[in-house]
N, C-alpha and C. Protein backbone atom coordinates (compact mmCIF):
# COMPACT_ATOMS: atom_id res chain seq x y z
N UNK A 1 5.88 14.31 24.16
CA UNK A 1 7.19 13.78 24.50
C UNK A 1 7.22 12.29 24.16
N UNK A 2 8.18 11.89 23.37
CA UNK A 2 8.24 10.52 22.89
C UNK A 2 9.67 10.01 22.93
N UNK A 3 9.79 8.69 22.81
CA UNK A 3 11.08 8.03 22.61
C UNK A 3 11.07 7.47 21.20
N UNK A 4 12.13 7.67 20.47
CA UNK A 4 12.16 7.13 19.12
C UNK A 4 13.21 7.78 18.26
N UNK A 5 13.20 7.39 17.02
CA UNK A 5 14.16 7.94 16.08
C UNK A 5 14.02 7.26 14.74
N UNK A 6 14.78 7.73 13.81
CA UNK A 6 14.76 7.15 12.46
C UNK A 6 16.17 7.19 11.88
N UNK A 7 16.43 6.29 10.96
CA UNK A 7 17.74 6.22 10.33
C UNK A 7 17.57 5.72 8.90
N UNK A 8 18.48 6.09 8.04
CA UNK A 8 18.42 5.64 6.65
C UNK A 8 19.82 5.49 6.09
N UNK A 9 19.95 4.60 5.13
CA UNK A 9 21.21 4.35 4.42
C UNK A 9 20.90 4.36 2.93
N UNK A 10 21.70 5.08 2.18
CA UNK A 10 21.54 5.13 0.73
C UNK A 10 22.86 4.80 0.06
N UNK A 11 22.81 3.93 -0.95
CA UNK A 11 24.05 3.50 -1.60
C UNK A 11 23.86 3.46 -3.11
N UNK A 12 24.82 4.03 -3.82
CA UNK A 12 24.83 4.01 -5.28
C UNK A 12 25.82 2.96 -5.75
N UNK A 13 25.43 2.16 -6.75
CA UNK A 13 26.31 1.11 -7.24
C UNK A 13 27.53 1.70 -7.94
N UNK A 14 28.57 0.90 -8.07
CA UNK A 14 29.82 1.38 -8.66
C UNK A 14 29.65 1.79 -10.12
N UNK A 15 28.77 1.10 -10.85
CA UNK A 15 28.55 1.47 -12.24
C UNK A 15 27.52 2.59 -12.40
N UNK A 16 27.00 3.09 -11.27
CA UNK A 16 26.05 4.20 -11.23
C UNK A 16 24.75 3.90 -11.97
N UNK A 17 24.44 2.63 -12.11
CA UNK A 17 23.19 2.24 -12.76
C UNK A 17 22.16 1.69 -11.77
N UNK A 18 22.55 1.59 -10.53
CA UNK A 18 21.64 1.07 -9.53
C UNK A 18 21.85 1.73 -8.18
N UNK A 19 20.85 1.63 -7.32
CA UNK A 19 20.94 2.20 -5.98
C UNK A 19 19.94 1.50 -5.07
N UNK A 20 20.19 1.62 -3.78
CA UNK A 20 19.23 1.12 -2.81
C UNK A 20 19.18 2.06 -1.62
N UNK A 21 18.02 2.07 -0.96
CA UNK A 21 17.81 2.90 0.23
C UNK A 21 17.15 2.04 1.29
N UNK A 22 17.68 2.07 2.50
CA UNK A 22 17.11 1.36 3.63
C UNK A 22 16.74 2.39 4.69
N UNK A 23 15.50 2.33 5.18
CA UNK A 23 15.03 3.27 6.20
C UNK A 23 14.36 2.51 7.33
N UNK A 24 14.52 3.02 8.55
CA UNK A 24 13.88 2.42 9.73
C UNK A 24 13.47 3.51 10.70
N UNK A 25 12.37 3.29 11.42
CA UNK A 25 11.92 4.27 12.40
C UNK A 25 11.24 3.56 13.57
N UNK A 26 11.26 4.23 14.72
CA UNK A 26 10.67 3.66 15.93
C UNK A 26 10.12 4.81 16.77
N UNK A 27 8.90 4.61 17.33
CA UNK A 27 8.27 5.62 18.18
C UNK A 27 7.61 4.94 19.37
N UNK A 28 7.84 5.51 20.56
CA UNK A 28 7.23 4.99 21.79
C UNK A 28 6.69 6.18 22.58
N UNK A 29 5.39 6.15 22.89
CA UNK A 29 4.74 7.27 23.57
C UNK A 29 4.65 7.10 25.09
N UNK A 30 5.42 6.18 25.64
CA UNK A 30 5.37 5.95 27.08
C UNK A 30 5.63 7.21 27.90
N UNK A 31 6.66 8.02 27.60
CA UNK A 31 6.91 9.22 28.42
C UNK A 31 5.73 10.18 28.43
N UNK A 32 5.04 10.34 27.31
CA UNK A 32 3.90 11.25 27.25
C UNK A 32 2.79 10.79 28.20
N UNK A 33 2.46 9.52 28.15
CA UNK A 33 1.38 9.02 28.99
C UNK A 33 1.78 8.92 30.46
N UNK A 34 3.08 8.88 30.74
CA UNK A 34 3.56 8.91 32.12
C UNK A 34 3.41 10.32 32.71
N UNK A 35 3.60 11.33 31.88
CA UNK A 35 3.57 12.72 32.35
C UNK A 35 2.17 13.31 32.39
N UNK A 36 1.32 12.93 31.43
CA UNK A 36 0.00 13.54 31.30
C UNK A 36 -1.09 12.50 31.51
N UNK A 37 -2.07 12.86 32.29
CA UNK A 37 -3.20 11.98 32.52
C UNK A 37 -4.18 12.07 31.36
N UNK A 38 -4.78 10.95 31.04
CA UNK A 38 -5.77 10.89 29.96
C UNK A 38 -7.06 10.28 30.49
N UNK A 39 -8.14 10.45 29.72
CA UNK A 39 -9.43 9.90 30.14
C UNK A 39 -9.39 8.38 30.18
N UNK A 40 -8.59 7.78 29.34
CA UNK A 40 -8.46 6.32 29.30
C UNK A 40 -7.11 5.92 29.88
N UNK A 41 -7.11 4.91 30.71
CA UNK A 41 -5.88 4.47 31.36
C UNK A 41 -5.14 3.48 30.47
N UNK A 42 -3.93 3.79 30.04
CA UNK A 42 -3.20 2.88 29.16
C UNK A 42 -2.84 1.58 29.87
N UNK A 43 -3.00 0.48 29.17
CA UNK A 43 -2.51 -0.81 29.65
C UNK A 43 -1.29 -1.25 28.85
N UNK A 44 -1.24 -0.81 27.61
CA UNK A 44 -0.06 -1.00 26.76
C UNK A 44 0.22 0.33 26.08
N UNK A 45 1.35 0.92 26.37
CA UNK A 45 1.64 2.24 25.81
C UNK A 45 1.85 2.14 24.29
N UNK A 46 1.35 3.13 23.55
CA UNK A 46 1.48 3.09 22.08
C UNK A 46 2.93 2.97 21.64
N UNK A 47 3.14 2.04 20.74
CA UNK A 47 4.48 1.75 20.24
C UNK A 47 4.38 1.36 18.78
N UNK A 48 5.29 1.87 17.98
CA UNK A 48 5.25 1.58 16.55
C UNK A 48 6.68 1.50 16.01
N UNK A 49 6.90 0.54 15.11
CA UNK A 49 8.20 0.36 14.47
C UNK A 49 7.97 0.02 13.00
N UNK A 50 8.80 0.55 12.14
CA UNK A 50 8.63 0.30 10.72
C UNK A 50 9.94 0.41 9.97
N UNK A 51 9.93 -0.10 8.77
CA UNK A 51 11.13 -0.02 7.94
C UNK A 51 10.77 -0.20 6.48
N UNK A 52 11.63 0.27 5.61
CA UNK A 52 11.39 0.15 4.17
C UNK A 52 12.71 -0.09 3.44
N UNK A 53 12.58 -0.66 2.25
CA UNK A 53 13.73 -0.93 1.38
C UNK A 53 13.33 -0.58 -0.04
N UNK A 54 14.15 0.22 -0.70
CA UNK A 54 13.90 0.62 -2.08
C UNK A 54 15.11 0.29 -2.94
N UNK A 55 14.85 -0.32 -4.09
CA UNK A 55 15.95 -0.70 -5.00
C UNK A 55 15.60 -0.24 -6.41
N UNK A 56 16.57 0.34 -7.10
CA UNK A 56 16.41 0.76 -8.49
C UNK A 56 17.59 0.26 -9.31
N UNK A 57 17.29 -0.18 -10.54
CA UNK A 57 18.35 -0.66 -11.42
C UNK A 57 18.02 -0.34 -12.87
N UNK A 58 18.92 0.38 -13.53
CA UNK A 58 18.76 0.67 -14.96
C UNK A 58 19.23 -0.54 -15.74
N UNK A 59 18.32 -1.22 -16.42
CA UNK A 59 18.64 -2.46 -17.10
C UNK A 59 19.10 -2.25 -18.54
N UNK A 60 18.79 -1.09 -19.10
CA UNK A 60 19.22 -0.75 -20.46
C UNK A 60 19.09 0.77 -20.61
N UNK A 61 19.29 1.27 -21.80
CA UNK A 61 19.16 2.71 -22.01
C UNK A 61 17.75 3.19 -21.72
N UNK A 62 16.77 2.33 -21.93
CA UNK A 62 15.37 2.73 -21.74
C UNK A 62 14.65 1.88 -20.68
N UNK A 63 15.35 0.93 -20.09
CA UNK A 63 14.71 0.03 -19.14
C UNK A 63 15.02 0.39 -17.69
N UNK A 64 14.05 0.18 -16.80
CA UNK A 64 14.24 0.47 -15.38
C UNK A 64 13.49 -0.57 -14.55
N UNK A 65 14.19 -1.15 -13.58
CA UNK A 65 13.61 -2.09 -12.64
C UNK A 65 13.58 -1.44 -11.26
N UNK A 66 12.42 -1.50 -10.59
CA UNK A 66 12.27 -0.91 -9.27
C UNK A 66 11.62 -1.93 -8.33
N UNK A 67 12.08 -1.94 -7.09
CA UNK A 67 11.49 -2.81 -6.07
C UNK A 67 11.32 -2.00 -4.78
N UNK A 68 10.22 -2.23 -4.11
CA UNK A 68 9.92 -1.49 -2.87
C UNK A 68 9.30 -2.43 -1.86
N UNK A 69 9.74 -2.31 -0.60
CA UNK A 69 9.22 -3.12 0.48
C UNK A 69 9.02 -2.24 1.71
N UNK A 70 7.87 -2.41 2.38
CA UNK A 70 7.60 -1.66 3.60
C UNK A 70 6.92 -2.56 4.61
N UNK A 71 7.37 -2.49 5.87
CA UNK A 71 6.76 -3.26 6.94
C UNK A 71 6.53 -2.38 8.16
N UNK A 72 5.45 -2.66 8.90
CA UNK A 72 5.09 -1.83 10.04
C UNK A 72 4.49 -2.71 11.14
N UNK A 73 4.85 -2.42 12.40
CA UNK A 73 4.31 -3.13 13.55
C UNK A 73 3.92 -2.12 14.61
N UNK A 74 2.76 -2.34 15.24
CA UNK A 74 2.32 -1.40 16.27
C UNK A 74 1.46 -2.12 17.30
N UNK A 75 1.34 -1.49 18.49
CA UNK A 75 0.49 -2.03 19.53
C UNK A 75 0.10 -0.92 20.51
N UNK A 76 -1.06 -1.06 21.12
CA UNK A 76 -1.49 -0.17 22.19
C UNK A 76 -2.70 -0.80 22.88
N UNK A 77 -3.00 -0.31 24.09
CA UNK A 77 -4.15 -0.82 24.82
C UNK A 77 -4.53 0.16 25.92
N UNK A 78 -5.83 0.13 26.33
CA UNK A 78 -6.28 1.03 27.38
C UNK A 78 -7.52 0.45 28.08
N UNK A 79 -7.78 1.00 29.26
CA UNK A 79 -8.99 0.70 30.01
C UNK A 79 -9.83 1.97 30.10
N UNK A 80 -11.14 1.82 30.05
CA UNK A 80 -12.04 2.97 30.17
C UNK A 80 -13.32 2.54 30.86
N UNK A 81 -14.09 3.51 31.30
CA UNK A 81 -15.36 3.22 31.96
C UNK A 81 -16.33 2.57 30.99
N UNK A 82 -17.00 1.54 31.43
CA UNK A 82 -17.94 0.82 30.58
C UNK A 82 -19.21 1.62 30.38
N UNK A 83 -19.65 1.73 29.16
CA UNK A 83 -20.92 2.40 28.85
C UNK A 83 -22.09 1.45 29.00
N UNK A 84 -21.82 0.16 28.87
CA UNK A 84 -22.88 -0.83 28.94
C UNK A 84 -23.12 -1.31 30.37
N UNK A 85 -22.04 -1.36 31.17
CA UNK A 85 -22.13 -1.80 32.57
C UNK A 85 -21.55 -0.72 33.47
N UNK A 86 -22.36 0.22 33.93
CA UNK A 86 -21.87 1.32 34.77
C UNK A 86 -21.12 0.80 35.99
N UNK A 87 -19.97 1.43 36.27
CA UNK A 87 -19.14 1.02 37.39
C UNK A 87 -18.08 0.02 37.04
N UNK A 88 -18.20 -0.62 35.90
CA UNK A 88 -17.19 -1.57 35.44
C UNK A 88 -16.25 -0.90 34.43
N UNK A 89 -15.20 -1.62 34.07
CA UNK A 89 -14.22 -1.11 33.11
C UNK A 89 -14.17 -2.00 31.88
N UNK A 90 -13.91 -1.35 30.75
CA UNK A 90 -13.75 -2.05 29.49
C UNK A 90 -12.28 -2.02 29.08
N UNK A 91 -11.79 -3.14 28.58
CA UNK A 91 -10.40 -3.24 28.12
C UNK A 91 -10.37 -3.38 26.61
N UNK A 92 -9.50 -2.63 25.98
CA UNK A 92 -9.28 -2.74 24.53
C UNK A 92 -7.79 -2.80 24.28
N UNK A 93 -7.32 -3.83 23.57
CA UNK A 93 -5.90 -3.97 23.22
C UNK A 93 -5.79 -4.39 21.76
N UNK A 94 -4.85 -3.79 21.07
CA UNK A 94 -4.67 -4.05 19.64
C UNK A 94 -3.20 -4.24 19.31
N UNK A 95 -2.93 -5.28 18.53
CA UNK A 95 -1.62 -5.49 17.92
C UNK A 95 -1.83 -5.59 16.42
N UNK A 96 -0.99 -4.90 15.67
CA UNK A 96 -1.15 -4.86 14.22
C UNK A 96 0.20 -4.96 13.53
N UNK A 97 0.21 -5.65 12.42
CA UNK A 97 1.37 -5.55 11.53
C UNK A 97 0.87 -5.55 10.10
N UNK A 98 1.58 -4.87 9.24
CA UNK A 98 1.24 -4.86 7.83
C UNK A 98 2.50 -4.79 6.98
N UNK A 99 2.41 -5.35 5.80
CA UNK A 99 3.53 -5.41 4.87
C UNK A 99 3.03 -5.06 3.48
N UNK A 100 3.81 -4.28 2.76
CA UNK A 100 3.49 -3.96 1.37
C UNK A 100 4.77 -4.07 0.54
N UNK A 101 4.66 -4.66 -0.64
CA UNK A 101 5.83 -4.77 -1.52
C UNK A 101 5.38 -4.73 -2.97
N UNK A 102 6.23 -4.20 -3.82
CA UNK A 102 5.95 -4.22 -5.26
C UNK A 102 7.25 -4.22 -6.06
N UNK A 103 7.15 -4.76 -7.26
CA UNK A 103 8.26 -4.76 -8.22
C UNK A 103 7.69 -4.29 -9.55
N UNK A 104 8.32 -3.30 -10.15
CA UNK A 104 7.87 -2.79 -11.44
C UNK A 104 9.02 -2.79 -12.44
N UNK A 105 8.66 -2.90 -13.70
CA UNK A 105 9.66 -2.92 -14.77
C UNK A 105 9.08 -2.20 -15.99
N UNK A 106 9.86 -1.33 -16.59
CA UNK A 106 9.42 -0.65 -17.80
C UNK A 106 10.54 -0.69 -18.83
N UNK A 107 10.15 -0.75 -20.10
CA UNK A 107 11.13 -0.87 -21.18
C UNK A 107 10.53 -0.37 -22.48
N UNK A 108 11.37 0.21 -23.30
CA UNK A 108 10.96 0.60 -24.65
C UNK A 108 11.09 -0.59 -25.57
N UNK A 109 10.07 -0.81 -26.42
CA UNK A 109 10.06 -1.96 -27.33
C UNK A 109 10.26 -1.52 -28.77
N UNK A 110 11.03 -0.51 -28.96
CA UNK A 110 11.23 0.00 -30.30
C UNK A 110 10.48 1.30 -30.51
N UNK A 111 10.40 1.70 -31.74
CA UNK A 111 9.79 2.98 -32.07
C UNK A 111 8.32 3.01 -31.69
N UNK A 112 7.98 3.96 -30.83
CA UNK A 112 6.59 4.25 -30.45
C UNK A 112 5.94 3.20 -29.54
N UNK A 113 6.69 2.20 -29.07
CA UNK A 113 6.12 1.18 -28.21
C UNK A 113 6.81 1.17 -26.84
N UNK A 114 6.00 1.00 -25.78
CA UNK A 114 6.54 0.89 -24.42
C UNK A 114 5.81 -0.23 -23.68
N UNK A 115 6.51 -0.81 -22.72
CA UNK A 115 5.91 -1.85 -21.88
C UNK A 115 6.10 -1.49 -20.41
N UNK A 116 5.03 -1.70 -19.62
CA UNK A 116 5.09 -1.51 -18.17
C UNK A 116 4.52 -2.75 -17.51
N UNK A 117 5.25 -3.33 -16.57
CA UNK A 117 4.80 -4.52 -15.86
C UNK A 117 5.02 -4.33 -14.37
N UNK A 118 4.16 -4.95 -13.58
CA UNK A 118 4.31 -4.81 -12.13
C UNK A 118 3.59 -5.91 -11.38
N UNK A 119 4.14 -6.27 -10.23
CA UNK A 119 3.50 -7.21 -9.32
C UNK A 119 3.57 -6.61 -7.91
N UNK A 120 2.60 -6.95 -7.07
CA UNK A 120 2.61 -6.43 -5.70
C UNK A 120 1.97 -7.44 -4.77
N UNK A 121 2.35 -7.32 -3.48
CA UNK A 121 1.76 -8.15 -2.45
C UNK A 121 1.64 -7.32 -1.18
N UNK A 122 0.50 -7.43 -0.51
CA UNK A 122 0.31 -6.72 0.76
C UNK A 122 -0.46 -7.62 1.72
N UNK A 123 -0.19 -7.43 3.01
CA UNK A 123 -0.90 -8.17 4.04
C UNK A 123 -1.09 -7.28 5.27
N UNK A 124 -2.20 -7.46 5.95
CA UNK A 124 -2.49 -6.70 7.16
C UNK A 124 -3.14 -7.64 8.17
N UNK A 125 -2.64 -7.62 9.41
CA UNK A 125 -3.15 -8.51 10.45
C UNK A 125 -3.45 -7.72 11.72
N UNK A 126 -4.65 -7.90 12.26
CA UNK A 126 -5.07 -7.26 13.50
C UNK A 126 -5.41 -8.33 14.53
N UNK A 127 -4.87 -8.17 15.73
CA UNK A 127 -5.25 -9.00 16.87
C UNK A 127 -5.84 -8.07 17.93
N UNK A 128 -7.13 -8.23 18.21
CA UNK A 128 -7.85 -7.34 19.13
C UNK A 128 -8.35 -8.15 20.32
N UNK A 129 -8.11 -7.63 21.52
CA UNK A 129 -8.59 -8.26 22.75
C UNK A 129 -9.53 -7.30 23.46
N UNK A 130 -10.76 -7.75 23.69
CA UNK A 130 -11.78 -6.95 24.38
C UNK A 130 -12.20 -7.67 25.65
N UNK A 131 -12.46 -6.90 26.71
CA UNK A 131 -12.84 -7.54 27.97
C UNK A 131 -13.61 -6.55 28.85
N UNK A 132 -14.76 -6.97 29.35
CA UNK A 132 -15.42 -6.24 30.43
C UNK A 132 -14.90 -6.87 31.71
N UNK A 133 -13.96 -6.18 32.37
CA UNK A 133 -13.09 -6.81 33.36
C UNK A 133 -13.86 -7.47 34.49
N UNK A 134 -14.77 -6.75 35.14
CA UNK A 134 -15.48 -7.32 36.29
C UNK A 134 -16.42 -8.45 35.88
N UNK A 135 -16.95 -8.39 34.69
CA UNK A 135 -17.90 -9.39 34.23
C UNK A 135 -17.23 -10.62 33.62
N UNK A 136 -15.96 -10.45 33.25
CA UNK A 136 -15.26 -11.57 32.61
C UNK A 136 -15.76 -11.86 31.21
N UNK A 137 -16.31 -10.84 30.56
CA UNK A 137 -16.81 -11.01 29.18
C UNK A 137 -15.67 -10.72 28.21
N UNK A 138 -15.01 -11.76 27.78
CA UNK A 138 -13.83 -11.61 26.93
C UNK A 138 -14.16 -11.91 25.48
N UNK A 139 -13.49 -11.19 24.61
CA UNK A 139 -13.66 -11.44 23.17
C UNK A 139 -12.32 -11.23 22.48
N UNK A 140 -11.96 -12.19 21.66
CA UNK A 140 -10.75 -12.10 20.86
C UNK A 140 -11.15 -12.00 19.39
N UNK A 141 -10.77 -10.90 18.78
CA UNK A 141 -11.12 -10.64 17.39
C UNK A 141 -9.84 -10.60 16.56
N UNK A 142 -9.83 -11.36 15.50
CA UNK A 142 -8.65 -11.39 14.63
C UNK A 142 -9.04 -11.20 13.19
N UNK A 143 -8.20 -10.54 12.46
CA UNK A 143 -8.46 -10.34 11.04
C UNK A 143 -7.17 -10.27 10.26
N UNK A 144 -7.17 -10.90 9.11
CA UNK A 144 -6.01 -10.84 8.23
C UNK A 144 -6.47 -10.72 6.78
N UNK A 145 -5.84 -9.80 6.05
CA UNK A 145 -6.15 -9.58 4.64
C UNK A 145 -4.87 -9.71 3.82
N UNK A 146 -4.93 -10.48 2.74
CA UNK A 146 -3.80 -10.65 1.84
C UNK A 146 -4.26 -10.33 0.42
N UNK A 147 -3.46 -9.55 -0.28
CA UNK A 147 -3.81 -9.18 -1.65
C UNK A 147 -2.57 -9.27 -2.54
N UNK A 148 -2.69 -10.03 -3.63
CA UNK A 148 -1.63 -10.13 -4.64
C UNK A 148 -2.17 -9.58 -5.95
N UNK A 149 -1.33 -8.83 -6.67
CA UNK A 149 -1.75 -8.22 -7.92
C UNK A 149 -0.64 -8.33 -8.97
N UNK A 150 -1.05 -8.41 -10.22
CA UNK A 150 -0.11 -8.40 -11.35
C UNK A 150 -0.74 -7.60 -12.48
N UNK A 151 0.07 -6.82 -13.19
CA UNK A 151 -0.45 -5.95 -14.24
C UNK A 151 0.59 -5.83 -15.36
N UNK A 152 0.10 -5.88 -16.59
CA UNK A 152 0.97 -5.73 -17.77
C UNK A 152 0.29 -4.79 -18.75
N UNK A 153 1.01 -3.76 -19.20
CA UNK A 153 0.44 -2.74 -20.08
C UNK A 153 1.40 -2.46 -21.23
N UNK A 154 0.86 -2.42 -22.43
CA UNK A 154 1.62 -2.01 -23.62
C UNK A 154 1.05 -0.68 -24.12
N UNK A 155 1.93 0.23 -24.49
CA UNK A 155 1.51 1.56 -24.94
C UNK A 155 2.09 1.84 -26.32
N UNK A 156 1.22 2.31 -27.20
CA UNK A 156 1.63 2.70 -28.56
C UNK A 156 1.42 4.19 -28.70
N UNK A 157 2.48 4.94 -28.95
CA UNK A 157 2.37 6.38 -29.13
C UNK A 157 1.76 6.69 -30.48
N UNK A 158 0.82 7.64 -30.48
CA UNK A 158 0.17 8.08 -31.72
C UNK A 158 0.44 9.57 -31.88
N UNK A 159 1.59 9.89 -32.39
CA UNK A 159 1.96 11.30 -32.50
C UNK A 159 2.62 11.77 -31.21
N UNK A 160 2.63 13.07 -31.05
CA UNK A 160 3.34 13.67 -29.91
C UNK A 160 2.58 13.53 -28.61
N UNK A 161 1.24 13.56 -28.65
CA UNK A 161 0.47 13.60 -27.41
C UNK A 161 -0.51 12.45 -27.25
N UNK A 162 -0.97 11.84 -28.31
CA UNK A 162 -1.96 10.77 -28.24
C UNK A 162 -1.30 9.40 -28.09
N UNK A 163 -2.05 8.46 -27.49
CA UNK A 163 -1.50 7.12 -27.29
C UNK A 163 -2.62 6.11 -27.15
N UNK A 164 -2.28 4.85 -27.42
CA UNK A 164 -3.18 3.72 -27.29
C UNK A 164 -2.57 2.75 -26.28
N UNK A 165 -3.37 2.30 -25.30
CA UNK A 165 -2.88 1.38 -24.29
C UNK A 165 -3.78 0.14 -24.22
N UNK A 166 -3.16 -1.01 -24.02
CA UNK A 166 -3.92 -2.23 -23.79
C UNK A 166 -3.10 -3.16 -22.91
N UNK A 167 -3.80 -4.02 -22.19
CA UNK A 167 -3.11 -4.92 -21.28
C UNK A 167 -4.09 -5.71 -20.43
N UNK A 168 -3.58 -6.25 -19.33
CA UNK A 168 -4.40 -7.07 -18.45
C UNK A 168 -3.96 -6.95 -17.01
N UNK A 169 -4.84 -7.39 -16.11
CA UNK A 169 -4.58 -7.32 -14.68
C UNK A 169 -5.20 -8.51 -13.98
N UNK A 170 -4.53 -8.99 -12.92
CA UNK A 170 -5.04 -10.11 -12.14
C UNK A 170 -4.90 -9.79 -10.66
N UNK A 171 -5.93 -10.11 -9.87
CA UNK A 171 -5.90 -9.89 -8.43
C UNK A 171 -6.36 -11.15 -7.71
N UNK A 172 -5.68 -11.43 -6.59
CA UNK A 172 -6.02 -12.59 -5.77
C UNK A 172 -6.08 -12.12 -4.31
N UNK A 173 -7.25 -12.22 -3.69
CA UNK A 173 -7.44 -11.68 -2.34
C UNK A 173 -7.92 -12.78 -1.40
N UNK A 174 -7.40 -12.75 -0.18
CA UNK A 174 -7.79 -13.70 0.87
C UNK A 174 -8.15 -12.90 2.12
N UNK A 175 -9.33 -13.17 2.69
CA UNK A 175 -9.79 -12.51 3.92
C UNK A 175 -10.06 -13.58 4.98
N UNK A 176 -9.45 -13.40 6.15
CA UNK A 176 -9.67 -14.30 7.28
C UNK A 176 -10.10 -13.48 8.49
N UNK A 177 -11.25 -13.81 9.06
CA UNK A 177 -11.79 -13.10 10.22
C UNK A 177 -12.19 -14.11 11.29
N UNK A 178 -11.91 -13.76 12.55
CA UNK A 178 -12.26 -14.66 13.65
C UNK A 178 -12.82 -13.86 14.82
N UNK A 179 -13.84 -14.43 15.46
CA UNK A 179 -14.41 -13.86 16.69
C UNK A 179 -14.54 -15.02 17.68
N UNK A 180 -13.62 -15.07 18.64
CA UNK A 180 -13.51 -16.22 19.53
C UNK A 180 -13.42 -17.51 18.71
N UNK A 181 -14.37 -18.43 18.87
CA UNK A 181 -14.28 -19.70 18.14
C UNK A 181 -14.91 -19.64 16.75
N UNK A 182 -15.49 -18.51 16.39
CA UNK A 182 -16.16 -18.39 15.10
C UNK A 182 -15.20 -17.81 14.05
N UNK A 183 -15.29 -18.36 12.84
CA UNK A 183 -14.41 -17.91 11.76
C UNK A 183 -15.21 -17.66 10.49
N UNK A 184 -14.72 -16.71 9.72
CA UNK A 184 -15.30 -16.42 8.41
C UNK A 184 -14.15 -16.14 7.45
N UNK A 185 -13.99 -17.00 6.45
CA UNK A 185 -12.89 -16.88 5.50
C UNK A 185 -13.44 -16.91 4.08
N UNK A 186 -12.81 -16.16 3.20
CA UNK A 186 -13.17 -16.26 1.80
C UNK A 186 -12.00 -15.86 0.91
N UNK A 187 -12.05 -16.37 -0.31
CA UNK A 187 -11.03 -16.10 -1.31
C UNK A 187 -11.70 -15.52 -2.53
N UNK A 188 -11.11 -14.48 -3.10
CA UNK A 188 -11.68 -13.83 -4.28
C UNK A 188 -10.56 -13.58 -5.27
N UNK A 189 -10.81 -13.83 -6.54
CA UNK A 189 -9.82 -13.53 -7.56
C UNK A 189 -10.53 -13.17 -8.86
N UNK A 190 -9.91 -12.29 -9.61
CA UNK A 190 -10.48 -11.92 -10.89
C UNK A 190 -9.38 -11.43 -11.84
N UNK A 191 -9.69 -11.53 -13.10
CA UNK A 191 -8.77 -11.06 -14.15
C UNK A 191 -9.55 -10.14 -15.07
N UNK A 192 -8.85 -9.19 -15.66
CA UNK A 192 -9.50 -8.24 -16.56
C UNK A 192 -8.52 -7.80 -17.64
N UNK A 193 -9.06 -7.51 -18.80
CA UNK A 193 -8.29 -6.94 -19.88
C UNK A 193 -8.89 -5.59 -20.26
N UNK A 194 -8.11 -4.75 -20.86
CA UNK A 194 -8.60 -3.42 -21.19
C UNK A 194 -7.89 -2.87 -22.41
N UNK A 195 -8.59 -1.95 -23.06
CA UNK A 195 -8.04 -1.17 -24.18
C UNK A 195 -8.51 0.26 -23.98
N UNK A 196 -7.61 1.21 -23.99
CA UNK A 196 -7.99 2.61 -23.81
C UNK A 196 -7.07 3.50 -24.64
N UNK A 197 -7.53 4.71 -24.88
CA UNK A 197 -6.75 5.63 -25.71
C UNK A 197 -6.86 7.04 -25.17
N UNK A 198 -5.79 7.78 -25.33
CA UNK A 198 -5.77 9.21 -25.06
C UNK A 198 -5.60 9.92 -26.40
N UNK A 199 -6.64 10.65 -26.80
CA UNK A 199 -6.62 11.35 -28.08
C UNK A 199 -6.58 12.84 -27.82
N UNK A 200 -5.56 13.49 -28.33
CA UNK A 200 -5.37 14.93 -28.11
C UNK A 200 -5.60 15.66 -29.43
N UNK A 201 -6.45 16.68 -29.38
CA UNK A 201 -6.66 17.50 -30.57
C UNK A 201 -6.97 18.91 -30.12
N UNK A 202 -6.76 19.86 -31.00
CA UNK A 202 -7.05 21.26 -30.72
C UNK A 202 -8.03 21.79 -31.77
N UNK A 203 -8.63 22.91 -31.48
CA UNK A 203 -9.59 23.52 -32.40
C UNK A 203 -8.90 23.90 -33.70
N UNK A 204 -7.67 24.35 -33.61
CA UNK A 204 -6.95 24.76 -34.82
C UNK A 204 -6.73 23.59 -35.75
N UNK A 205 -6.44 22.40 -35.19
CA UNK A 205 -6.22 21.24 -36.04
C UNK A 205 -7.52 20.84 -36.75
N UNK A 206 -8.67 20.98 -36.08
CA UNK A 206 -9.94 20.67 -36.71
C UNK A 206 -10.23 21.65 -37.85
N UNK A 207 -9.92 22.93 -37.66
CA UNK A 207 -10.14 23.93 -38.70
C UNK A 207 -9.29 23.62 -39.91
N UNK A 208 -8.03 23.22 -39.68
CA UNK A 208 -7.14 22.89 -40.81
C UNK A 208 -7.68 21.69 -41.56
N UNK A 209 -8.16 20.65 -40.84
CA UNK A 209 -8.68 19.47 -41.50
C UNK A 209 -9.92 19.81 -42.32
N UNK A 210 -10.82 20.62 -41.80
CA UNK A 210 -12.02 21.00 -42.54
C UNK A 210 -11.64 21.81 -43.78
N UNK A 211 -10.66 22.70 -43.66
CA UNK A 211 -10.21 23.51 -44.79
C UNK A 211 -9.64 22.61 -45.89
N UNK A 212 -8.88 21.60 -45.49
CA UNK A 212 -8.29 20.69 -46.48
C UNK A 212 -9.37 19.91 -47.19
N UNK A 213 -10.41 19.47 -46.46
CA UNK A 213 -11.50 18.75 -47.09
C UNK A 213 -12.24 19.62 -48.09
N UNK A 214 -12.43 20.90 -47.79
CA UNK A 214 -13.11 21.81 -48.71
C UNK A 214 -12.28 22.02 -49.97
N UNK A 215 -10.97 22.06 -49.85
CA UNK A 215 -10.12 22.22 -51.03
C UNK A 215 -10.21 20.99 -51.91
N UNK A 216 -10.23 19.80 -51.28
CA UNK A 216 -10.30 18.56 -52.07
C UNK A 216 -11.62 18.47 -52.82
N UNK A 217 -12.67 19.02 -52.26
CA UNK A 217 -13.95 19.00 -52.95
C UNK A 217 -13.92 19.93 -54.18
């Protein structure tokens, strides 16, 4: 038994070349924990809220721009019997939020050529509170992760099924962690380029090629 709901709105542009969708949802488990007893006693009833936004736009006969955004927030907490200190209680409480977003674009660059580009950003943050209540042993743990990415790919069609792809990618990551007064932070970034191919062939095509070579001889 829960409290909550979800709603969405979808709209098509007047020129029918674009659209957007907005969605939201909320869930609260308070009624369930009020009615049913659990091994752990809730201190903060589980609660979660989220929403998303999607946008699409046709930029040309072969081009498409897309954007997506999602955000989420949640919290819960409980008390339970301590395994380390018999007779005492342990407290655990968590608050979290995370966000993800990306924008992509694709377009035809003429005969047999295509381009795909995209950027994204995501973040996740945790706030954790721990406490051995009778002992007063408190700990505050925090963590946050941020990641940004960019990617560009060009594709050359080689016949009906085969293709050649090349491009590059860049990532930038930040990690922040804290335990009471202690902190550990680092930044990482890297770039990479690549070339790859999908080659499609069948046994019949190999037989034909060998036959043609024998005739030429």
